[in-house]
Amino acid sequence: MSNNRLKWVSVGGTFDVMHKGHWFLLEETFNVGERAIVGITTDEFAGTLKKQHEIDSYDNRRRDVKSFLKERGFYERSKIVPLSDPFGPTIDNDTLEGIVVSEETE
């Protein structure tokens, strides 16, 4: 692993219907960080978001993210956690050195 990577970063999202934007965001996350906390919105939190379509269940979205991470060889470098609020583990995790965001969430 590159020495110029941050040790721990985080990324979060709903990750509903995985698409190229999600793939790019997750790939960039592991380009920036050696390890990453990947937060996925819970069903309850996702229900508060103003999405134009029905959101798949947390379990299905987690399964899809996990599958992508395994396919790309990132899974062993990740920790998937549920997000029940916009900040998740970023508030009280002293090991995080960065947060990876898309332009939409910047």
PDB file of N, CA and C in Angstrom:
ATOM      1  N   MET A   1       0.830  -1.180   0.000  1.00  0.00           N
ATOM      2  CA  MET A   1       0.000   0.000   0.000  1.00  0.00           C
ATOM      3  C   MET A   1       0.873   1.240   0.000  1.00  0.00           C
ATOM      4  N   SER A   2       0.368   2.242  -0.657  1.00  0.00           N
ATOM      5  CA  SER A   2       1.114   3.481  -0.798  1.00  0.00           C
ATOM      6  C   SER A   2       1.256   4.186   0.543  1.00  0.00           C
ATOM      7  N   ASN A   3       2.431   4.745   0.776  1.00  0.00           N
ATOM      8  CA  ASN A   3       2.673   5.464   2.026  1.00  0.00           C
ATOM      9  C   ASN A   3       1.962   6.806   2.078  1.00  0.00           C
ATOM     10  N   ASN A   4       1.511   7.324   0.924  1.00  0.00           N
ATOM     11  CA  ASN A   4       0.850   8.624   0.957  1.00  0.00           C
ATOM     12  C   ASN A   4      -0.661   8.512   1.163  1.00  0.00           C
ATOM     13  N   ARG A   5      -1.165   7.321   1.398  1.00  0.00           N
ATOM     14  CA  ARG A   5      -2.581   7.144   1.725  1.00  0.00           C
ATOM     15  C   ARG A   5      -2.815   7.474   3.194  1.00  0.00           C
ATOM     16  N   LEU A   6      -4.007   7.974   3.470  1.00  0.00           N
ATOM     17  CA  LEU A   6      -4.420   8.154   4.854  1.00  0.00           C
ATOM     18  C   LEU A   6      -4.703   6.775   5.435  1.00  0.00           C
ATOM     19  N   LYS A   7      -4.488   6.624   6.747  1.00  0.00           N
ATOM     20  CA  LYS A   7      -4.690   5.298   7.355  1.00  0.00           C
ATOM     21  C   LYS A   7      -6.162   4.900   7.370  1.00  0.00           C
ATOM     22  N   TRP A   8      -7.027   5.784   7.852  1.00  0.00           N
ATOM     23  CA  TRP A   8      -8.462   5.504   7.934  1.00  0.00           C
ATOM     24  C   TRP A   8      -9.238   6.684   7.373  1.00  0.00           C
ATOM     25  N   VAL A   9     -10.173   6.397   6.471  1.00  0.00           N
ATOM     26  CA  VAL A   9     -11.091   7.406   5.951  1.00  0.00           C
ATOM     27  C   VAL A   9     -12.509   6.858   6.082  1.00  0.00           C
ATOM     28  N   SER A  10     -13.469   7.709   5.832  1.00  0.00           N
ATOM     29  CA  SER A  10     -14.850   7.236   5.853  1.00  0.00           C
ATOM     30  C   SER A  10     -15.580   7.742   4.617  1.00  0.00           C
ATOM     31  N   VAL A  11     -16.619   7.031   4.276  1.00  0.00           N
ATOM     32  CA  VAL A  11     -17.505   7.409   3.180  1.00  0.00           C
ATOM     33  C   VAL A  11     -18.889   6.924   3.571  1.00  0.00           C
ATOM     34  N   GLY A  12     -19.890   7.622   3.143  1.00  0.00           N
ATOM     35  CA  GLY A  12     -21.232   7.197   3.489  1.00  0.00           C
ATOM     36  C   GLY A  12     -22.213   7.483   2.375  1.00  0.00           C
ATOM     37  N   GLY A  13     -23.307   6.754   2.400  1.00  0.00           N
ATOM     38  CA  GLY A  13     -24.345   6.975   1.410  1.00  0.00           C
ATOM     39  C   GLY A  13     -25.488   6.004   1.582  1.00  0.00           C
ATOM     40  N   THR A  14     -26.491   6.192   0.750  1.00  0.00           N
ATOM     41  CA  THR A  14     -27.620   5.276   0.732  1.00  0.00           C
ATOM     42  C   THR A  14     -27.270   4.051  -0.104  1.00  0.00           C
ATOM     43  N   PHE A  15     -26.496   4.268  -1.163  1.00  0.00           N
ATOM     44  CA  PHE A  15     -26.037   3.185  -2.048  1.00  0.00           C
ATOM     45  C   PHE A  15     -27.207   2.340  -2.541  1.00  0.00           C
ATOM     46  N   ASP A  16     -28.258   3.041  -2.980  1.00  0.00           N
ATOM     47  CA  ASP A  16     -29.429   2.356  -3.513  1.00  0.00           C
ATOM     48  C   ASP A  16     -29.281   2.239  -5.023  1.00  0.00           C
ATOM     49  N   VAL A  17     -29.480   1.068  -5.529  1.00  0.00           N
ATOM     50  CA  VAL A  17     -29.284   0.765  -6.945  1.00  0.00           C
ATOM     51  C   VAL A  17     -27.871   1.199  -7.338  1.00  0.00           C
ATOM     52  N   MET A  18     -26.904   0.364  -7.013  1.00  0.00           N
ATOM     53  CA  MET A  18     -25.490   0.667  -7.270  1.00  0.00           C
ATOM     54  C   MET A  18     -25.287   1.042  -8.737  1.00  0.00           C
ATOM     55  N   HIS A  19     -24.530   2.132  -8.955  1.00  0.00           N
ATOM     56  CA  HIS A  19     -24.269   2.616 -10.307  1.00  0.00           C
ATOM     57  C   HIS A  19     -22.845   3.143 -10.395  1.00  0.00           C
ATOM     58  N   LYS A  20     -22.459   3.640 -11.565  1.00  0.00           N
ATOM     59  CA  LYS A  20     -21.084   4.080 -11.809  1.00  0.00           C
ATOM     60  C   LYS A  20     -20.626   5.148 -10.820  1.00  0.00           C
ATOM     61  N   GLY A  21     -21.528   6.026 -10.427  1.00  0.00           N
ATOM     62  CA  GLY A  21     -21.165   7.051  -9.450  1.00  0.00           C
ATOM     63  C   GLY A  21     -20.768   6.445  -8.111  1.00  0.00           C
ATOM     64  N   HIS A  22     -21.516   5.445  -7.668  1.00  0.00           N
ATOM     65  CA  HIS A  22     -21.175   4.741  -6.424  1.00  0.00           C
ATOM     66  C   HIS A  22     -19.842   4.019  -6.576  1.00  0.00           C
ATOM     67  N   TRP A  23     -19.662   3.348  -7.712  1.00  0.00           N
ATOM     68  CA  TRP A  23     -18.415   2.610  -7.951  1.00  0.00           C
ATOM     69  C   TRP A  23     -17.228   3.556  -7.875  1.00  0.00           C
ATOM     70  N   PHE A  24     -17.355   4.708  -8.545  1.00  0.00           N
ATOM     71  CA  PHE A  24     -16.263   5.684  -8.556  1.00  0.00           C
ATOM     72  C   PHE A  24     -15.984   6.190  -7.143  1.00  0.00           C
ATOM     73  N   LEU A  25     -17.035   6.532  -6.404  1.00  0.00           N
ATOM     74  CA  LEU A  25     -16.870   7.041  -5.040  1.00  0.00           C
ATOM     75  C   LEU A  25     -16.152   6.022  -4.160  1.00  0.00           C
ATOM     76  N   LEU A  26     -16.554   4.773  -4.241  1.00  0.00           N
ATOM     77  CA  LEU A  26     -15.917   3.741  -3.417  1.00  0.00           C
ATOM     78  C   LEU A  26     -14.483   3.467  -3.870  1.00  0.00           C
ATOM     79  N   GLU A  27     -14.242   3.461  -5.167  1.00  0.00           N
ATOM     80  CA  GLU A  27     -12.871   3.268  -5.651  1.00  0.00           C
ATOM     81  C   GLU A  27     -11.970   4.410  -5.188  1.00  0.00           C
ATOM     82  N   GLU A  28     -12.458   5.638  -5.277  1.00  0.00           N
ATOM     83  CA  GLU A  28     -11.680   6.786  -4.809  1.00  0.00           C
ATOM     84  C   GLU A  28     -11.413   6.702  -3.312  1.00  0.00           C
ATOM     85  N   THR A  29     -12.391   6.205  -2.569  1.00  0.00           N
ATOM     86  CA  THR A  29     -12.218   6.046  -1.128  1.00  0.00           C
ATOM     87  C   THR A  29     -10.996   5.190  -0.824  1.00  0.00           C
ATOM     88  N   PHE A  30     -10.840   4.098  -1.555  1.00  0.00           N
ATOM     89  CA  PHE A  30      -9.712   3.202  -1.289  1.00  0.00           C
ATOM     90  C   PHE A  30      -8.433   3.640  -1.996  1.00  0.00           C
ATOM     91  N   ASN A  31      -8.521   4.611  -2.897  1.00  0.00           N
ATOM     92  CA  ASN A  31      -7.313   5.253  -3.430  1.00  0.00           C
ATOM     93  C   ASN A  31      -6.751   6.236  -2.411  1.00  0.00           C
ATOM     94  N   VAL A  32      -7.644   6.869  -1.660  1.00  0.00           N
ATOM     95  CA  VAL A  32      -7.256   7.871  -0.668  1.00  0.00           C
ATOM     96  C   VAL A  32      -6.841   7.224   0.647  1.00  0.00           C
ATOM     97  N   GLY A  33      -7.533   6.170   1.045  1.00  0.00           N
ATOM     98  CA  GLY A  33      -7.287   5.570   2.356  1.00  0.00           C
ATOM     99  C   GLY A  33      -6.841   4.126   2.290  1.00  0.00           C
ATOM    100  N   GLU A  34      -5.991   3.769   3.234  1.00  0.00           N
ATOM    101  CA  GLU A  34      -5.592   2.363   3.370  1.00  0.00           C
ATOM    102  C   GLU A  34      -6.784   1.522   3.803  1.00  0.00           C
ATOM    103  N   ARG A  35      -7.577   2.074   4.717  1.00  0.00           N
ATOM    104  CA  ARG A  35      -8.762   1.395   5.230  1.00  0.00           C
ATOM    105  C   ARG A  35      -9.898   2.415   5.265  1.00  0.00           C
ATOM    106  N   ALA A  36     -11.134   1.885   5.219  1.00  0.00           N
ATOM    107  CA  ALA A  36     -12.274   2.805   5.196  1.00  0.00           C
ATOM    108  C   ALA A  36     -13.460   2.253   5.964  1.00  0.00           C
ATOM    109  N   ILE A  37     -14.122   3.158   6.645  1.00  0.00           N
ATOM    110  CA  ILE A  37     -15.433   2.878   7.212  1.00  0.00           C
ATOM    111  C   ILE A  37     -16.440   3.277   6.141  1.00  0.00           C
ATOM    112  N   VAL A  38     -17.267   2.329   5.738  1.00  0.00           N
ATOM    113  CA  VAL A  38     -18.280   2.572   4.716  1.00  0.00           C
ATOM    114  C   VAL A  38     -19.636   2.581   5.408  1.00  0.00           C
ATOM    115  N   GLY A  39     -20.220   3.763   5.525  1.00  0.00           N
ATOM    116  CA  GLY A  39     -21.516   3.899   6.172  1.00  0.00           C
ATOM    117  C   GLY A  39     -22.642   3.787   5.163  1.00  0.00           C
ATOM    118  N   ILE A  40     -23.654   3.011   5.510  1.00  0.00           N
ATOM    119  CA  ILE A  40     -24.831   2.844   4.660  1.00  0.00           C
ATOM    120  C   ILE A  40     -26.049   3.259   5.478  1.00  0.00           C
ATOM    121  N   THR A  41     -26.873   4.151   4.920  1.00  0.00           N
ATOM    122  CA  THR A  41     -28.024   4.643   5.664  1.00  0.00           C
ATOM    123  C   THR A  41     -28.970   3.507   6.048  1.00  0.00           C
ATOM    124  N   THR A  42     -29.440   3.570   7.282  1.00  0.00           N
ATOM    125  CA  THR A  42     -30.431   2.600   7.751  1.00  0.00           C
ATOM    126  C   THR A  42     -31.746   2.838   7.011  1.00  0.00           C
ATOM    127  N   ASP A  43     -32.642   1.887   7.100  1.00  0.00           N
ATOM    128  CA  ASP A  43     -33.959   2.055   6.482  1.00  0.00           C
ATOM    129  C   ASP A  43     -34.667   3.283   7.054  1.00  0.00           C
ATOM    130  N   GLU A  44     -34.566   3.477   8.365  1.00  0.00           N
ATOM    131  CA  GLU A  44     -35.238   4.604   9.013  1.00  0.00           C
ATOM    132  C   GLU A  44     -34.666   5.933   8.527  1.00  0.00           C
ATOM    133  N   PHE A  45     -33.336   6.048   8.496  1.00  0.00           N
ATOM    134  CA  PHE A  45     -32.713   7.293   8.052  1.00  0.00           C
ATOM    135  C   PHE A  45     -32.965   7.512   6.565  1.00  0.00           C
ATOM    136  N   ALA A  46     -32.868   6.466   5.765  1.00  0.00           N
ATOM    137  CA  ALA A  46     -33.114   6.591   4.325  1.00  0.00           C
ATOM    138  C   ALA A  46     -34.534   7.088   4.065  1.00  0.00           C
ATOM    139  N   GLY A  47     -35.469   6.695   4.926  1.00  0.00           N
ATOM    140  CA  GLY A  47     -36.852   7.131   4.775  1.00  0.00           C
ATOM    141  C   GLY A  47     -37.047   8.622   4.972  1.00  0.00           C
ATOM    142  N   THR A  48     -36.106   9.288   5.626  1.00  0.00           N
ATOM    143  CA  THR A  48     -36.204  10.735   5.837  1.00  0.00           C
ATOM    144  C   THR A  48     -35.618  11.526   4.674  1.00  0.00           C
ATOM    145  N   LEU A  49     -34.924  10.849   3.771  1.00  0.00           N
ATOM    146  CA  LEU A  49     -34.303  11.518   2.629  1.00  0.00           C
ATOM    147  C   LEU A  49     -35.341  11.730   1.533  1.00  0.00           C
ATOM    148  N   LYS A  50     -35.156  12.770   0.760  1.00  0.00           N
ATOM    149  CA  LYS A  50     -36.127  13.096  -0.284  1.00  0.00           C
ATOM    150  C   LYS A  50     -35.745  12.407  -1.595  1.00  0.00           C
ATOM    151  N   LYS A  51     -35.901  11.103  -1.624  1.00  0.00           N
ATOM    152  CA  LYS A  51     -35.600  10.323  -2.831  1.00  0.00           C
ATOM    153  C   LYS A  51     -36.852  10.254  -3.704  1.00  0.00           C
ATOM    154  N   GLN A  52     -36.645  10.209  -5.013  1.00  0.00           N
ATOM    155  CA  GLN A  52     -37.753  10.182  -5.964  1.00  0.00           C
ATOM    156  C   GLN A  52     -38.297   8.772  -6.205  1.00  0.00           C
ATOM    157  N   HIS A  53     -37.733   7.792  -5.532  1.00  0.00           N
ATOM    158  CA  HIS A  53     -38.137   6.407  -5.750  1.00  0.00           C
ATOM    159  C   HIS A  53     -38.076   5.657  -4.425  1.00  0.00           C
ATOM    160  N   GLU A  54     -38.677   4.487  -4.403  1.00  0.00           N
ATOM    161  CA  GLU A  54     -38.619   3.645  -3.212  1.00  0.00           C
ATOM    162  C   GLU A  54     -37.192   3.133  -3.030  1.00  0.00           C
ATOM    163  N   ILE A  55     -36.724   3.135  -1.804  1.00  0.00           N
ATOM    164  CA  ILE A  55     -35.356   2.714  -1.499  1.00  0.00           C
ATOM    165  C   ILE A  55     -35.363   1.258  -1.063  1.00  0.00           C
ATOM    166  N   ASP A  56     -34.433   0.495  -1.607  1.00  0.00           N
ATOM    167  CA  ASP A  56     -34.300  -0.919  -1.259  1.00  0.00           C
ATOM    168  C   ASP A  56     -33.929  -1.049   0.222  1.00  0.00           C
ATOM    169  N   SER A  57     -34.111  -2.213   0.781  1.00  0.00           N
ATOM    170  CA  SER A  57     -33.838  -2.429   2.206  1.00  0.00           C
ATOM    171  C   SER A  57     -32.345  -2.287   2.517  1.00  0.00           C
ATOM    172  N   TYR A  58     -32.069  -1.963   3.766  1.00  0.00           N
ATOM    173  CA  TYR A  58     -30.680  -1.854   4.219  1.00  0.00           C
ATOM    174  C   TYR A  58     -29.928  -3.149   3.938  1.00  0.00           C
ATOM    175  N   ASP A  59     -30.536  -4.271   4.255  1.00  0.00           N
ATOM    176  CA  ASP A  59     -29.856  -5.557   4.059  1.00  0.00           C
ATOM    177  C   ASP A  59     -29.463  -5.775   2.602  1.00  0.00           C
ATOM    178  N   ASN A  60     -30.350  -5.448   1.679  1.00  0.00           N
ATOM    179  CA  ASN A  60     -30.028  -5.612   0.256  1.00  0.00           C
ATOM    180  C   ASN A  60     -28.956  -4.629  -0.193  1.00  0.00           C
ATOM    181  N   ARG A  61     -29.044  -3.380   0.278  1.00  0.00           N
ATOM    182  CA  ARG A  61     -28.034  -2.380  -0.091  1.00  0.00           C
ATOM    183  C   ARG A  61     -26.671  -2.756   0.485  1.00  0.00           C
ATOM    184  N   ARG A  62     -26.657  -3.243   1.722  1.00  0.00           N
ATOM    185  CA  ARG A  62     -25.400  -3.683   2.339  1.00  0.00           C
ATOM    186  C   ARG A  62     -24.806  -4.848   1.553  1.00  0.00           C
ATOM    187  N   ARG A  63     -25.655  -5.787   1.173  1.00  0.00           N
ATOM    188  CA  ARG A  63     -25.198  -6.937   0.383  1.00  0.00           C
ATOM    189  C   ARG A  63     -24.552  -6.474  -0.928  1.00  0.00           C
ATOM    190  N   ASP A  64     -25.170  -5.502  -1.604  1.00  0.00           N
ATOM    191  CA  ASP A  64     -24.638  -5.013  -2.875  1.00  0.00           C
ATOM    192  C   ASP A  64     -23.308  -4.292  -2.689  1.00  0.00           C
ATOM    193  N   VAL A  65     -23.199  -3.473  -1.644  1.00  0.00           N
ATOM    194  CA  VAL A  65     -21.931  -2.786  -1.369  1.00  0.00           C
ATOM    195  C   VAL A  65     -20.857  -3.805  -1.026  1.00  0.00           C
ATOM    196  N   LYS A  66     -21.183  -4.756  -0.173  1.00  0.00           N
ATOM    197  CA  LYS A  66     -20.223  -5.794   0.217  1.00  0.00           C
ATOM    198  C   LYS A  66     -19.746  -6.568  -1.009  1.00  0.00           C
ATOM    199  N   SER A  67     -20.649  -6.913  -1.887  1.00  0.00           N
ATOM    200  CA  SER A  67     -20.301  -7.639  -3.109  1.00  0.00           C
ATOM    201  C   SER A  67     -19.347  -6.821  -3.974  1.00  0.00           C
ATOM    202  N   PHE A  68     -19.634  -5.531  -4.131  1.00  0.00           N
ATOM    203  CA  PHE A  68     -18.751  -4.657  -4.907  1.00  0.00           C
ATOM    204  C   PHE A  68     -17.366  -4.592  -4.277  1.00  0.00           C
ATOM    205  N   LEU A  69     -17.319  -4.400  -2.961  1.00  0.00           N
ATOM    206  CA  LEU A  69     -16.030  -4.302  -2.272  1.00  0.00           C
ATOM    207  C   LEU A  69     -15.226  -5.590  -2.427  1.00  0.00           C
ATOM    208  N   LYS A  70     -15.894  -6.724  -2.355  1.00  0.00           N
ATOM    209  CA  LYS A  70     -15.202  -8.008  -2.537  1.00  0.00           C
ATOM    210  C   LYS A  70     -14.683  -8.147  -3.965  1.00  0.00           C
ATOM    211  N   GLU A  71     -15.511  -7.790  -4.952  1.00  0.00           N
ATOM    212  CA  GLU A  71     -15.102  -7.885  -6.358  1.00  0.00           C
ATOM    213  C   GLU A  71     -13.860  -7.052  -6.643  1.00  0.00           C
ATOM    214  N   ARG A  72     -13.759  -5.888  -5.998  1.00  0.00           N
ATOM    215  CA  ARG A  72     -12.647  -4.973  -6.255  1.00  0.00           C
ATOM    216  C   ARG A  72     -11.450  -5.217  -5.330  1.00  0.00           C
ATOM    217  N   GLY A  73     -11.585  -6.151  -4.395  1.00  0.00           N
ATOM    218  CA  GLY A  73     -10.492  -6.436  -3.473  1.00  0.00           C
ATOM    219  C   GLY A  73     -10.376  -5.445  -2.330  1.00  0.00           C
ATOM    220  N   PHE A  74     -11.456  -4.721  -2.041  1.00  0.00           N
ATOM    221  CA  PHE A  74     -11.450  -3.709  -0.981  1.00  0.00           C
ATOM    222  C   PHE A  74     -12.057  -4.206   0.328  1.00  0.00           C
ATOM    223  N   TYR A  75     -12.747  -5.322   0.289  1.00  0.00           N
ATOM    224  CA  TYR A  75     -13.537  -5.728   1.453  1.00  0.00           C
ATOM    225  C   TYR A  75     -12.695  -5.901   2.713  1.00  0.00           C
ATOM    226  N   GLU A  76     -11.537  -6.503   2.602  1.00  0.00           N
ATOM    227  CA  GLU A  76     -10.679  -6.724   3.775  1.00  0.00           C
ATOM    228  C   GLU A  76     -10.152  -5.412   4.356  1.00  0.00           C
ATOM    229  N   ARG A  77     -10.235  -4.345   3.577  1.00  0.00           N
ATOM    230  CA  ARG A  77      -9.772  -3.030   4.032  1.00  0.00           C
ATOM    231  C   ARG A  77     -10.933  -2.163   4.508  1.00  0.00           C
ATOM    232  N   SER A  78     -12.120  -2.743   4.603  1.00  0.00           N
ATOM    233  CA  SER A  78     -13.303  -1.950   4.922  1.00  0.00           C
ATOM    234  C   SER A  78     -13.990  -2.420   6.195  1.00  0.00           C
ATOM    235  N   LYS A  79     -14.788  -1.516   6.724  1.00  0.00           N
ATOM    236  CA  LYS A  79     -15.692  -1.833   7.833  1.00  0.00           C
ATOM    237  C   LYS A  79     -17.025  -1.184   7.469  1.00  0.00           C
ATOM    238  N   ILE A  80     -18.028  -2.007   7.233  1.00  0.00           N
ATOM    239  CA  ILE A  80     -19.345  -1.495   6.863  1.00  0.00           C
ATOM    240  C   ILE A  80     -20.156  -1.262   8.135  1.00  0.00           C
ATOM    241  N   VAL A  81     -20.729  -0.059   8.247  1.00  0.00           N
ATOM    242  CA  VAL A  81     -21.514   0.295   9.434  1.00  0.00           C
ATOM    243  C   VAL A  81     -22.833   0.935   8.998  1.00  0.00           C
ATOM    244  N   PRO A  82     -23.876   0.796   9.827  1.00  0.00           N
ATOM    245  CA  PRO A  82     -25.139   1.474   9.528  1.00  0.00           C
ATOM    246  C   PRO A  82     -25.050   2.955   9.895  1.00  0.00           C
ATOM    247  N   LEU A  83     -25.657   3.794   9.059  1.00  0.00           N
ATOM    248  CA  LEU A  83     -25.735   5.231   9.343  1.00  0.00           C
ATOM    249  C   LEU A  83     -27.163   5.574   9.736  1.00  0.00           C
ATOM    250  N   SER A  84     -27.340   6.082  10.941  1.00  0.00           N
ATOM    251  CA  SER A  84     -28.676   6.484  11.376  1.00  0.00           C
ATOM    252  C   SER A  84     -28.813   8.001  11.452  1.00  0.00           C
ATOM    253  N   ASP A  85     -27.745   8.712  11.067  1.00  0.00           N
ATOM    254  CA  ASP A  85     -27.753  10.170  11.014  1.00  0.00           C
ATOM    255  C   ASP A  85     -26.696  10.613   9.996  1.00  0.00           C
ATOM    256  N   PRO A  86     -26.669  11.889   9.623  1.00  0.00           N
ATOM    257  CA  PRO A  86     -25.738  12.329   8.578  1.00  0.00           C
ATOM    258  C   PRO A  86     -24.259  12.194   8.933  1.00  0.00           C
ATOM    259  N   PHE A  87     -23.924  12.107  10.198  1.00  0.00           N
ATOM    260  CA  PHE A  87     -22.521  12.125  10.603  1.00  0.00           C
ATOM    261  C   PHE A  87     -21.939  10.753  10.911  1.00  0.00           C
ATOM    262  N   GLY A  88     -22.778   9.826  11.320  1.00  0.00           N
ATOM    263  CA  GLY A  88     -22.301   8.478  11.611  1.00  0.00           C
ATOM    264  C   GLY A  88     -21.116   8.477  12.560  1.00  0.00           C
ATOM    265  N   PRO A  89     -20.119   7.646  12.278  1.00  0.00           N
ATOM    266  CA  PRO A  89     -18.973   7.506  13.183  1.00  0.00           C
ATOM    267  C   PRO A  89     -17.942   8.629  13.075  1.00  0.00           C
ATOM    268  N   THR A  90     -18.195   9.601  12.194  1.00  0.00           N
ATOM    269  CA  THR A  90     -17.178  10.647  12.007  1.00  0.00           C
ATOM    270  C   THR A  90     -17.062  11.581  13.202  1.00  0.00           C
ATOM    271  N   ILE A  91     -18.085  11.673  14.008  1.00  0.00           N
ATOM    272  CA  ILE A  91     -18.092  12.598  15.143  1.00  0.00           C
ATOM    273  C   ILE A  91     -17.159  12.150  16.261  1.00  0.00           C
ATOM    274  N   ASP A  92     -17.186  10.872  16.586  1.00  0.00           N
ATOM    275  CA  ASP A  92     -16.442  10.423  17.768  1.00  0.00           C
ATOM    276  C   ASP A  92     -15.364   9.386  17.467  1.00  0.00           C
ATOM    277  N   ASN A  93     -14.901   9.332  16.225  1.00  0.00           N
ATOM    278  CA  ASN A  93     -13.860   8.373  15.864  1.00  0.00           C
ATOM    279  C   ASN A  93     -12.546   9.114  15.656  1.00  0.00           C
ATOM    280  N   ASP A  94     -11.647   8.982  16.616  1.00  0.00           N
ATOM    281  CA  ASP A  94     -10.376   9.708  16.562  1.00  0.00           C
ATOM    282  C   ASP A  94      -9.387   9.133  15.557  1.00  0.00           C
ATOM    283  N   THR A  95      -9.651   7.948  15.020  1.00  0.00           N
ATOM    284  CA  THR A  95      -8.712   7.344  14.071  1.00  0.00           C
ATOM    285  C   THR A  95      -8.935   7.821  12.639  1.00  0.00           C
ATOM    286  N   LEU A  96     -10.092   8.417  12.361  1.00  0.00           N
ATOM    287  CA  LEU A  96     -10.372   8.880  11.002  1.00  0.00           C
ATOM    288  C   LEU A  96      -9.494  10.065  10.641  1.00  0.00           C
ATOM    289  N   GLU A  97      -8.903   9.994   9.464  1.00  0.00           N
ATOM    290  CA  GLU A  97      -8.054  11.080   8.978  1.00  0.00           C
ATOM    291  C   GLU A  97      -8.688  11.832   7.821  1.00  0.00           C
ATOM    292  N   GLY A  98      -9.797  11.324   7.285  1.00  0.00           N
ATOM    293  CA  GLY A  98     -10.440  11.992   6.164  1.00  0.00           C
ATOM    294  C   GLY A  98     -11.823  11.448   5.900  1.00  0.00           C
ATOM    295  N   ILE A  99     -12.612  12.258   5.197  1.00  0.00           N
ATOM    296  CA  ILE A  99     -13.952  11.871   4.775  1.00  0.00           C
ATOM    297  C   ILE A  99     -14.011  12.053   3.266  1.00  0.00           C
ATOM    298  N   VAL A 100     -14.415  11.014   2.572  1.00  0.00           N
ATOM    299  CA  VAL A 100     -14.528  11.071   1.117  1.00  0.00           C
ATOM    300  C   VAL A 100     -15.982  11.379   0.779  1.00  0.00           C
ATOM    301  N   VAL A 101     -16.197  12.423  -0.023  1.00  0.00           N
ATOM    302  CA  VAL A 101     -17.554  12.839  -0.379  1.00  0.00           C
ATOM    303  C   VAL A 101     -17.662  13.026  -1.889  1.00  0.00           C
ATOM    304  N   SER A 102     -18.887  12.977  -2.366  1.00  0.00           N
ATOM    305  CA  SER A 102     -19.156  13.301  -3.766  1.00  0.00           C
ATOM    306  C   SER A 102     -19.504  14.785  -3.843  1.00  0.00           C
ATOM    307  N   GLU A 103     -19.594  15.313  -5.054  1.00  0.00           N
ATOM    308  CA  GLU A 103     -19.973  16.719  -5.207  1.00  0.00           C
ATOM    309  C   GLU A 103     -21.360  16.977  -4.632  1.00  0.00           C
ATOM    310  N   GLU A 104     -22.241  15.984  -4.690  1.00  0.00           N
ATOM    311  CA  GLU A 104     -23.598  16.151  -4.177  1.00  0.00           C
ATOM    312  C   GLU A 104     -23.630  16.324  -2.661  1.00  0.00           C
ATOM    313  N   THR A 105     -22.687  15.710  -1.958  1.00  0.00           N
ATOM    314  CA  THR A 105     -22.708  15.784  -0.493  1.00  0.00           C
ATOM    315  C   THR A 105     -21.638  16.700   0.075  1.00  0.00           C
ATOM    316  N   GLU A 106     -20.855  17.305  -0.794  1.00  0.00           N
ATOM    317  CA  GLU A 106     -19.780  18.186  -0.341  1.00  0.00           C
ATOM    318  C   GLU A 106     -20.367  19.343   0.408  1.00  0.00           C
TER     319      GLU A 106
END
